[in-house]
Amino acid sequence: VGKTTVALNLALALAENGRRTLLVDLDPQGGIAHSLAKEDTELPGVAELLVGAFEPEDVVVRTKVPGLGLLPRGRLDPIDAGAFETAIGSRGVLDRMLGSVETAYELTVIDTPSGLGVVARGVLSVSDFVLLPFQAEPLAMRSLVQALRVVDHVQGGENPRLELLGILPTMVERTKDP
């Protein structure tokens, strides 16, 4: 779908336009670090914050772009991905963790794993806005309807301040005019 690419480019654009922006990678696959040509075990981050191994100021990476910070997924063995997701989805964990690192930033962009699991739901419960990228193809419409249902549910009970910022079709195939 391109969620990681969208998150990375959105955070970059916001920072380049003068907004202090933090990009947080909550995807167990660690796509943000991979897109920056970093190895799986190179950058401490969210995984280390969850177990108290590092202080927040020690894991936020300052980038070459002024005003853009990165909170990587951290050093996570693929075997521990389920435990990572469970920890992120636990009530109050994201509020505490993000609250400890967001103070120097105006905006936070969060990259989540695909699907509607505990990480996505946890992120929705602490977010002000959600942007839903989806692949522009017929099967993705089912997923989009499901995602909108989850957003509506979170707005109705867990996080009334959550607003749908938009729906972003990705991988759109343009056909040439005959």
C-alpha atoms as a PDB file:
ATOM      1  CA  VAL A   1       0.000   0.000   0.000  1.00  0.00           C
ATOM      2  CA  GLY A   2       2.891   2.375   0.720  1.00  0.00           C
ATOM      3  CA  LYS A   3       2.062   3.412   4.304  1.00  0.00           C
ATOM      4  CA  THR A   4       5.710   3.708   5.258  1.00  0.00           C
ATOM      5  CA  THR A   5       6.516   5.735   2.151  1.00  0.00           C
ATOM      6  CA  VAL A   6       3.561   8.035   2.837  1.00  0.00           C
ATOM      7  CA  ALA A   7       4.546   8.475   6.500  1.00  0.00           C
ATOM      8  CA  LEU A   8       8.181   9.191   5.633  1.00  0.00           C
ATOM      9  CA  ASN A   9       7.349  11.675   2.891  1.00  0.00           C
ATOM     10  CA  LEU A  10       4.644  13.389   4.951  1.00  0.00           C
ATOM     11  CA  ALA A  11       7.005  13.852   7.903  1.00  0.00           C
ATOM     12  CA  LEU A  12       9.741  15.130   5.593  1.00  0.00           C
ATOM     13  CA  ALA A  13       7.391  17.594   3.873  1.00  0.00           C
ATOM     14  CA  LEU A  14       6.108  18.908   7.198  1.00  0.00           C
ATOM     15  CA  ALA A  15       9.656  19.428   8.501  1.00  0.00           C
ATOM     16  CA  GLU A  16      10.774  21.076   5.266  1.00  0.00           C
ATOM     17  CA  ASN A  17       7.869  23.484   5.709  1.00  0.00           C
ATOM     18  CA  GLY A  18       9.106  24.550   9.132  1.00  0.00           C
ATOM     19  CA  ARG A  19       7.086  22.233  11.389  1.00  0.00           C
ATOM     20  CA  ARG A  20       9.076  20.378  14.054  1.00  0.00           C
ATOM     21  CA  THR A  21       8.039  16.807  13.240  1.00  0.00           C
ATOM     22  CA  LEU A  22       8.697  13.462  14.888  1.00  0.00           C
ATOM     23  CA  LEU A  23       8.368  10.318  12.764  1.00  0.00           C
ATOM     24  CA  VAL A  24       7.629   7.229  14.891  1.00  0.00           C
ATOM     25  CA  ASP A  25       8.013   3.683  13.543  1.00  0.00           C
ATOM     26  CA  LEU A  26       5.623   1.297  15.293  1.00  0.00           C
ATOM     27  CA  ASP A  27       5.726  -1.317  12.541  1.00  0.00           C
ATOM     28  CA  PRO A  28       7.474  -4.483  13.793  1.00  0.00           C
ATOM     29  CA  GLN A  29       9.055  -4.790  10.326  1.00  0.00           C
ATOM     30  CA  GLY A  30      10.898  -1.497  10.911  1.00  0.00           C
ATOM     31  CA  GLY A  31      10.287  -0.073   7.452  1.00  0.00           C
ATOM     32  CA  ILE A  32      11.380   3.466   8.310  1.00  0.00           C
ATOM     33  CA  ALA A  33      14.900   2.390   9.307  1.00  0.00           C
ATOM     34  CA  HIS A  34      15.096   0.112   6.261  1.00  0.00           C
ATOM     35  CA  SER A  35      14.139   2.999   3.992  1.00  0.00           C
ATOM     36  CA  LEU A  36      16.998   4.968   5.533  1.00  0.00           C
ATOM     37  CA  ALA A  37      19.420   2.106   4.763  1.00  0.00           C
ATOM     38  CA  LYS A  38      19.839   1.097   8.402  1.00  0.00           C
ATOM     39  CA  GLU A  39      20.207  -2.482   9.602  1.00  0.00           C
ATOM     40  CA  ASP A  40      17.639  -4.127  11.903  1.00  0.00           C
ATOM     41  CA  THR A  41      19.903  -3.940  14.956  1.00  0.00           C
ATOM     42  CA  GLU A  42      21.544  -0.596  14.236  1.00  0.00           C
ATOM     43  CA  LEU A  43      19.159   1.875  15.884  1.00  0.00           C
ATOM     44  CA  PRO A  44      17.686   1.611  19.376  1.00  0.00           C
ATOM     45  CA  GLY A  45      14.158   2.961  19.638  1.00  0.00           C
ATOM     46  CA  VAL A  46      10.624   2.006  20.628  1.00  0.00           C
ATOM     47  CA  ALA A  47      11.565  -1.561  21.597  1.00  0.00           C
ATOM     48  CA  GLU A  48      14.143  -0.259  24.057  1.00  0.00           C
ATOM     49  CA  LEU A  49      11.751   2.348  25.477  1.00  0.00           C
ATOM     50  CA  LEU A  50       9.189  -0.361  26.149  1.00  0.00           C
ATOM     51  CA  VAL A  51      11.596  -2.298  28.376  1.00  0.00           C
ATOM     52  CA  GLY A  52      13.193   0.775  29.958  1.00  0.00           C
ATOM     53  CA  ALA A  53      16.634   0.078  28.475  1.00  0.00           C
ATOM     54  CA  PHE A  54      17.095   3.643  27.179  1.00  0.00           C
ATOM     55  CA  GLU A  55      15.880   7.115  28.006  1.00  0.00           C
ATOM     56  CA  PRO A  56      13.722   8.849  25.374  1.00  0.00           C
ATOM     57  CA  GLU A  57      16.358  11.455  24.571  1.00  0.00           C
ATOM     58  CA  ASP A  58      18.821   8.652  23.766  1.00  0.00           C
ATOM     59  CA  VAL A  59      16.704   6.988  21.075  1.00  0.00           C
ATOM     60  CA  VAL A  60      15.304   9.894  19.036  1.00  0.00           C
ATOM     61  CA  VAL A  61      17.500  10.268  15.965  1.00  0.00           C
ATOM     62  CA  ARG A  62      18.210  13.764  14.719  1.00  0.00           C
ATOM     63  CA  THR A  63      18.137  13.800  10.944  1.00  0.00           C
ATOM     64  CA  LYS A  64      19.876  16.007   8.388  1.00  0.00           C
ATOM     65  CA  VAL A  65      16.579  17.806   7.854  1.00  0.00           C
ATOM     66  CA  PRO A  66      16.156  20.583  10.422  1.00  0.00           C
ATOM     67  CA  GLY A  67      13.145  19.936  12.613  1.00  0.00           C
ATOM     68  CA  LEU A  68      12.763  16.262  11.683  1.00  0.00           C
ATOM     69  CA  GLY A  69      13.345  13.630  14.349  1.00  0.00           C
ATOM     70  CA  LEU A  70      12.955   9.867  14.062  1.00  0.00           C
ATOM     71  CA  LEU A  71      11.929   7.399  16.731  1.00  0.00           C
ATOM     72  CA  PRO A  72      12.859   4.069  15.119  1.00  0.00           C
ATOM     73  CA  ARG A  73      11.253   0.737  15.918  1.00  0.00           C
ATOM     74  CA  GLY A  74      14.408  -0.308  17.724  1.00  0.00           C
ATOM     75  CA  ARG A  75      16.308  -3.568  17.930  1.00  0.00           C
ATOM     76  CA  LEU A  76      13.589  -6.154  17.627  1.00  0.00           C
ATOM     77  CA  ASP A  77      14.085  -9.831  16.926  1.00  0.00           C
ATOM     78  CA  PRO A  78      11.336 -10.976  14.519  1.00  0.00           C
ATOM     79  CA  ILE A  79      10.468 -13.693  17.033  1.00  0.00           C
ATOM     80  CA  ASP A  80       9.415 -10.951  19.466  1.00  0.00           C
ATOM     81  CA  ALA A  81       7.123  -9.080  17.042  1.00  0.00           C
ATOM     82  CA  GLY A  82       3.939 -10.392  18.698  1.00  0.00           C
ATOM     83  CA  ALA A  83       5.067  -9.317  22.160  1.00  0.00           C
ATOM     84  CA  PHE A  84       6.079  -5.917  20.736  1.00  0.00           C
ATOM     85  CA  GLU A  85       2.609  -5.427  19.236  1.00  0.00           C
ATOM     86  CA  THR A  86       0.901  -6.542  22.445  1.00  0.00           C
ATOM     87  CA  ALA A  87       2.976  -4.106  24.499  1.00  0.00           C
ATOM     88  CA  ILE A  88       2.252  -1.203  22.118  1.00  0.00           C
ATOM     89  CA  GLY A  89      -1.470  -1.995  22.212  1.00  0.00           C
ATOM     90  CA  SER A  90      -1.652  -2.092  26.008  1.00  0.00           C
ATOM     91  CA  ARG A  91      -3.727   0.711  27.504  1.00  0.00           C
ATOM     92  CA  GLY A  92      -1.673   3.783  28.399  1.00  0.00           C
ATOM     93  CA  VAL A  93       1.630   2.562  26.934  1.00  0.00           C
ATOM     94  CA  LEU A  94       1.540   4.782  23.848  1.00  0.00           C
ATOM     95  CA  ASP A  95       0.430   7.834  25.825  1.00  0.00           C
ATOM     96  CA  ARG A  96       3.330   7.447  28.248  1.00  0.00           C
ATOM     97  CA  MET A  97       5.920   6.598  25.614  1.00  0.00           C
ATOM     98  CA  LEU A  98       4.952   9.294  23.117  1.00  0.00           C
ATOM     99  CA  GLY A  99       4.500  11.855  25.879  1.00  0.00           C
ATOM    100  CA  SER A 100       8.110  11.278  26.886  1.00  0.00           C
ATOM    101  CA  VAL A 101       9.486  12.014  23.390  1.00  0.00           C
ATOM    102  CA  GLU A 102       7.033  14.437  21.739  1.00  0.00           C
ATOM    103  CA  THR A 103       7.726  17.524  23.820  1.00  0.00           C
ATOM    104  CA  ALA A 104      10.256  18.983  21.364  1.00  0.00           C
ATOM    105  CA  TYR A 105       7.941  18.521  18.366  1.00  0.00           C
ATOM    106  CA  GLU A 106       4.793  20.176  17.054  1.00  0.00           C
ATOM    107  CA  LEU A 107       3.609  17.153  15.073  1.00  0.00           C
ATOM    108  CA  THR A 108       4.029  13.408  15.280  1.00  0.00           C
ATOM    109  CA  VAL A 109       3.593  11.110  12.283  1.00  0.00           C
ATOM    110  CA  ILE A 110       3.241   7.430  13.172  1.00  0.00           C
ATOM    111  CA  ASP A 111       3.874   4.523  10.813  1.00  0.00           C
ATOM    112  CA  THR A 112       1.843   1.467  11.826  1.00  0.00           C
ATOM    113  CA  PRO A 113       1.828  -2.122  10.628  1.00  0.00           C
ATOM    114  CA  SER A 114      -0.769  -3.125   8.077  1.00  0.00           C
ATOM    115  CA  GLY A 115      -4.133  -4.281   9.275  1.00  0.00           C
ATOM    116  CA  LEU A 116      -6.469  -3.296  12.060  1.00  0.00           C
ATOM    117  CA  GLY A 117      -4.686  -4.968  14.972  1.00  0.00           C
ATOM    118  CA  VAL A 118      -3.749  -3.759  18.416  1.00  0.00           C
ATOM    119  CA  VAL A 119      -1.048  -1.345  17.227  1.00  0.00           C
ATOM    120  CA  ALA A 120      -3.323   0.484  14.782  1.00  0.00           C
ATOM    121  CA  ARG A 121      -6.112   0.595  17.350  1.00  0.00           C
ATOM    122  CA  GLY A 122      -3.740   1.879  20.030  1.00  0.00           C
ATOM    123  CA  VAL A 123      -2.451   4.597  17.713  1.00  0.00           C
ATOM    124  CA  LEU A 124      -5.999   5.684  16.849  1.00  0.00           C
ATOM    125  CA  SER A 125      -6.816   5.958  20.545  1.00  0.00           C
ATOM    126  CA  VAL A 126      -4.073   8.566  21.094  1.00  0.00           C
ATOM    127  CA  SER A 127      -4.146  10.420  17.754  1.00  0.00           C
ATOM    128  CA  ASP A 128      -5.779  13.647  16.683  1.00  0.00           C
ATOM    129  CA  PHE A 129      -5.886  12.755  12.977  1.00  0.00           C
ATOM    130  CA  VAL A 130      -5.776   9.658  10.790  1.00  0.00           C
ATOM    131  CA  LEU A 131      -4.859   9.430   7.113  1.00  0.00           C
ATOM    132  CA  LEU A 132      -5.888   6.155   5.469  1.00  0.00           C
ATOM    133  CA  PRO A 133      -3.696   5.139   2.538  1.00  0.00           C
ATOM    134  CA  PHE A 134      -5.132   2.308   0.475  1.00  0.00           C
ATOM    135  CA  GLN A 135      -4.120   0.643  -2.734  1.00  0.00           C
ATOM    136  CA  ALA A 136      -6.386   1.705  -5.587  1.00  0.00           C
ATOM    137  CA  GLU A 137      -7.697  -1.730  -6.539  1.00  0.00           C
ATOM    138  CA  PRO A 138     -11.026  -3.502  -6.002  1.00  0.00           C
ATOM    139  CA  LEU A 139      -9.987  -5.818  -3.148  1.00  0.00           C
ATOM    140  CA  ALA A 140      -8.689  -2.880  -1.123  1.00  0.00           C
ATOM    141  CA  MET A 141     -12.182  -1.408  -0.932  1.00  0.00           C
ATOM    142  CA  ARG A 142     -13.130  -4.086   1.604  1.00  0.00           C
ATOM    143  CA  SER A 143     -10.180  -3.129   3.797  1.00  0.00           C
ATOM    144  CA  LEU A 144     -11.029   0.546   3.479  1.00  0.00           C
ATOM    145  CA  VAL A 145     -14.599  -0.053   4.654  1.00  0.00           C
ATOM    146  CA  GLN A 146     -13.249  -2.025   7.629  1.00  0.00           C
ATOM    147  CA  ALA A 147     -10.748   0.707   8.494  1.00  0.00           C
ATOM    148  CA  LEU A 148     -13.470   3.365   8.366  1.00  0.00           C
ATOM    149  CA  ARG A 149     -15.592   1.231  10.692  1.00  0.00           C
ATOM    150  CA  VAL A 150     -12.731   1.030  13.210  1.00  0.00           C
ATOM    151  CA  VAL A 151     -12.090   4.790  12.981  1.00  0.00           C
ATOM    152  CA  ASP A 152     -15.785   5.449  13.587  1.00  0.00           C
ATOM    153  CA  HIS A 153     -15.807   3.116  16.592  1.00  0.00           C
ATOM    154  CA  VAL A 154     -12.716   4.743  18.129  1.00  0.00           C
ATOM    155  CA  GLN A 155     -14.202   8.219  17.572  1.00  0.00           C
ATOM    156  CA  GLY A 156     -17.426   7.142  19.264  1.00  0.00           C
ATOM    157  CA  GLY A 157     -15.942   5.752  22.425  1.00  0.00           C
ATOM    158  CA  GLU A 158     -12.190   5.763  22.908  1.00  0.00           C
ATOM    159  CA  ASN A 159     -11.051   9.020  21.312  1.00  0.00           C
ATOM    160  CA  PRO A 160     -13.699  11.591  20.363  1.00  0.00           C
ATOM    161  CA  ARG A 161     -11.034  14.091  19.195  1.00  0.00           C
ATOM    162  CA  LEU A 162      -9.879  11.732  16.392  1.00  0.00           C
ATOM    163  CA  GLU A 163     -10.583  13.180  12.948  1.00  0.00           C
ATOM    164  CA  LEU A 164     -10.325  11.484   9.586  1.00  0.00           C
ATOM    165  CA  LEU A 165      -7.852  13.669   7.726  1.00  0.00           C
ATOM    166  CA  GLY A 166      -8.473  11.866   4.463  1.00  0.00           C
ATOM    167  CA  ILE A 167      -8.299   8.757   2.344  1.00  0.00           C
ATOM    168  CA  LEU A 168      -5.223   8.507   0.139  1.00  0.00           C
ATOM    169  CA  PRO A 169      -5.334   6.156  -2.853  1.00  0.00           C
ATOM    170  CA  THR A 170      -1.872   4.792  -3.642  1.00  0.00           C
ATOM    171  CA  MET A 171      -0.434   2.811  -6.533  1.00  0.00           C
ATOM    172  CA  VAL A 172      -2.980   4.314  -8.890  1.00  0.00           C
ATOM    173  CA  GLU A 173      -2.635   2.995 -12.428  1.00  0.00           C
ATOM    174  CA  ARG A 174      -3.161   5.670 -15.002  1.00  0.00           C
ATOM    175  CA  THR A 175      -4.200   4.575 -18.425  1.00  0.00           C
ATOM    176  CA  LYS A 176      -3.309   6.457 -21.554  1.00  0.00           C
ATOM    177  CA  ASP A 177      -6.065   8.093 -23.550  1.00  0.00           C
ATOM    178  CA  PRO A 178      -6.849   6.160 -26.774  1.00  0.00           C
END
